[in-house]
Amino acid sequence: MPDGKHTFYGGHHLATLQSALEVTTHGRVLTIATTPRVSHAVPTGDPFRRLVLRFCGPTCDTTVKTYTFAVIHTYVDGVMRVTKDTRMQANTSRQLPVPEDAFGWELRVYYADPRLAEHLPEQEVSMAVATGVFASPASPPEP
């Protein structure tokens, strides 16, 4: 924080998000990792913020599989409680198998409460952080 002021770019700044996360592929494994620039969980902030990694079919209009990185809240005895935390923690990485029928992937950050998303401008709902394609889907098994 410059001069102790909370004036740095945050989660709505694409370059900041891209510098916080690194996505690599090796064969049919995708690795998502926080970079050394991150000293807290990603995403952070409002309880409905989440990162969604989506494996795509021939076009990204088709979703093959998704992974969500977020804090999951549920009501327990009438009180909202954190029941699961799947966010990317500082200094961590996760290796995810690429589905056989995936042609590409997209990592997107969502800001808006899903119940309100259809009423908001797209830039207030989500932003693509990174995308990629695979050379080809996995070869079908030999007979």
Protein backbone atom coordinates (compact mmCIF):
# COMPACT_ATOMS: atom_id res chain seq x y z
CA MET A 1 0.00 0.00 0.00
CA PRO A 2 1.67 3.23 -1.10
CA ASP A 3 2.27 5.52 1.90
CA GLY A 4 -0.01 3.30 3.99
CA LYS A 5 -3.02 4.30 1.87
CA HIS A 6 -5.48 1.81 0.40
CA THR A 7 -5.02 3.25 -3.12
CA PHE A 8 -3.61 0.28 -5.02
CA TYR A 9 -5.41 -1.53 -7.83
CA GLY A 10 -7.65 -4.35 -6.73
CA GLY A 11 -9.77 -7.21 -8.01
CA HIS A 12 -11.44 -5.16 -10.77
CA HIS A 13 -8.10 -4.42 -12.45
CA LEU A 14 -7.22 -7.02 -15.10
CA ALA A 15 -3.43 -6.61 -14.93
CA THR A 16 -3.52 -7.00 -11.13
CA LEU A 17 -5.53 -10.23 -11.40
CA GLN A 18 -3.25 -11.55 -14.13
CA SER A 19 -0.18 -10.83 -12.00
CA ALA A 20 -1.72 -12.68 -9.04
CA LEU A 21 -2.42 -15.96 -10.83
CA GLU A 22 -0.52 -18.14 -13.24
CA VAL A 23 -2.14 -20.83 -15.37
CA THR A 24 -0.01 -23.37 -17.22
CA THR A 25 -0.72 -26.58 -19.06
CA HIS A 26 1.47 -29.61 -19.48
CA GLY A 27 -0.08 -32.39 -21.48
CA ARG A 28 -3.57 -32.97 -20.12
CA VAL A 29 -2.93 -31.28 -16.75
CA LEU A 30 -3.73 -27.65 -16.05
CA THR A 31 -2.02 -25.97 -13.10
CA ILE A 32 -3.34 -22.81 -11.49
CA ALA A 33 -1.07 -21.09 -8.97
CA THR A 34 -0.85 -17.90 -6.99
CA THR A 35 2.26 -15.86 -7.75
CA PRO A 36 4.72 -14.52 -5.15
CA ARG A 37 2.92 -11.15 -5.43
CA VAL A 38 -0.07 -12.58 -3.53
CA SER A 39 -0.13 -12.59 0.27
CA HIS A 40 -3.79 -13.57 0.75
CA ALA A 41 -6.48 -15.83 -0.67
CA VAL A 42 -7.76 -15.18 -4.21
CA PRO A 43 -10.44 -14.06 -4.66
CA THR A 44 -11.05 -11.95 -1.61
CA GLY A 45 -13.58 -9.28 -0.81
CA ASP A 46 -17.33 -9.64 -1.05
CA PRO A 47 -18.71 -13.06 -0.13
CA PHE A 48 -20.04 -13.74 -3.64
CA ARG A 49 -16.72 -13.16 -5.43
CA ARG A 50 -15.45 -16.32 -7.09
CA LEU A 51 -13.01 -17.56 -9.69
CA VAL A 52 -14.41 -20.05 -12.16
CA LEU A 53 -12.14 -22.21 -14.30
CA ARG A 54 -14.14 -23.62 -17.16
CA PHE A 55 -13.04 -26.34 -19.56
CA CYS A 56 -14.68 -25.76 -22.94
CA GLY A 57 -15.84 -28.04 -25.72
CA PRO A 58 -15.24 -27.15 -29.38
CA THR A 59 -16.32 -23.58 -28.51
CA CYS A 60 -16.59 -21.96 -25.12
CA ASP A 61 -20.36 -21.92 -25.61
CA THR A 62 -20.10 -25.54 -24.44
CA THR A 63 -18.84 -26.25 -20.93
CA VAL A 64 -17.27 -29.63 -20.26
CA LYS A 65 -16.34 -29.12 -16.58
CA THR A 66 -15.95 -26.26 -14.12
CA TYR A 67 -13.98 -25.66 -10.95
CA THR A 68 -15.03 -22.86 -8.62
CA PHE A 69 -12.66 -21.15 -6.20
CA ALA A 70 -14.70 -19.31 -3.56
CA VAL A 71 -15.92 -19.10 -0.01
CA ILE A 72 -19.14 -21.11 0.24
CA HIS A 73 -21.74 -19.79 2.67
CA THR A 74 -24.84 -21.65 3.82
CA TYR A 75 -27.45 -20.95 6.41
CA VAL A 76 -27.06 -23.05 9.54
CA ASP A 77 -29.80 -22.56 12.15
CA GLY A 78 -30.78 -19.29 10.48
CA VAL A 79 -27.24 -17.87 10.53
CA MET A 80 -25.03 -17.58 7.45
CA ARG A 81 -21.81 -19.49 8.03
CA VAL A 82 -18.75 -20.34 5.99
CA THR A 83 -19.06 -24.03 5.20
CA LYS A 84 -16.29 -24.42 2.62
CA ASP A 85 -13.35 -22.38 1.34
CA THR A 86 -11.96 -23.44 -2.04
CA ARG A 87 -10.13 -20.17 -2.84
CA MET A 88 -6.54 -20.17 -4.03
CA GLN A 89 -4.44 -19.50 -0.94
CA ALA A 90 -1.15 -17.59 -1.07
CA ASN A 91 1.82 -19.69 -2.22
CA THR A 92 -0.30 -22.56 -3.48
CA SER A 93 -1.02 -24.33 -6.72
CA ARG A 94 -3.56 -26.89 -7.87
CA GLN A 95 -3.17 -29.41 -10.62
CA LEU A 96 -6.39 -30.27 -12.41
CA PRO A 97 -6.89 -33.05 -14.94
CA VAL A 98 -8.08 -31.81 -18.31
CA PRO A 99 -11.23 -33.61 -19.42
CA GLU A 100 -10.73 -35.74 -22.54
CA ASP A 101 -13.27 -33.73 -24.55
CA ALA A 102 -11.92 -30.29 -23.60
CA PHE A 103 -10.56 -28.11 -26.39
CA GLY A 104 -9.84 -25.00 -24.32
CA TRP A 105 -10.23 -23.27 -20.97
CA GLU A 106 -11.25 -19.94 -19.49
CA LEU A 107 -10.53 -18.47 -16.06
CA ARG A 108 -13.08 -15.81 -15.10
CA VAL A 109 -13.61 -13.77 -11.94
CA TYR A 110 -17.21 -13.13 -10.91
CA TYR A 111 -18.06 -10.12 -8.75
CA ALA A 112 -21.84 -10.03 -8.60
CA ASP A 113 -24.29 -11.87 -6.46
CA PRO A 114 -25.70 -14.46 -8.92
CA ARG A 115 -29.24 -13.42 -7.96
CA LEU A 116 -28.55 -9.90 -9.30
CA ALA A 117 -26.28 -10.66 -12.26
CA GLU A 118 -28.94 -10.37 -14.96
CA HIS A 119 -29.75 -6.82 -13.80
CA LEU A 120 -26.17 -5.51 -13.93
CA PRO A 121 -23.82 -4.41 -16.72
CA GLU A 122 -21.43 -7.20 -17.82
CA GLN A 123 -18.35 -5.38 -16.44
CA GLU A 124 -19.93 -5.50 -12.98
CA VAL A 125 -20.73 -9.21 -13.26
CA SER A 126 -17.49 -10.84 -14.43
CA MET A 127 -14.21 -10.48 -16.28
CA ALA A 128 -12.09 -13.02 -18.16
CA VAL A 129 -8.65 -13.27 -16.54
CA ALA A 130 -7.05 -15.79 -18.90
CA THR A 131 -7.95 -18.24 -21.66
CA GLY A 132 -6.17 -20.96 -23.57
CA VAL A 133 -6.59 -23.81 -26.02
CA PHE A 134 -5.22 -27.33 -26.13
CA ALA A 135 -3.49 -28.70 -29.22
CA SER A 136 -6.28 -31.26 -29.58
CA PRO A 137 -8.64 -33.16 -27.33
CA ALA A 138 -7.32 -36.41 -25.96
CA SER A 139 -7.13 -39.19 -28.50
CA PRO A 140 -9.87 -41.78 -28.25
CA PRO A 141 -8.79 -45.02 -26.59
CA GLU A 142 -7.43 -47.73 -28.82
CA PRO A 143 -9.91 -50.57 -29.55
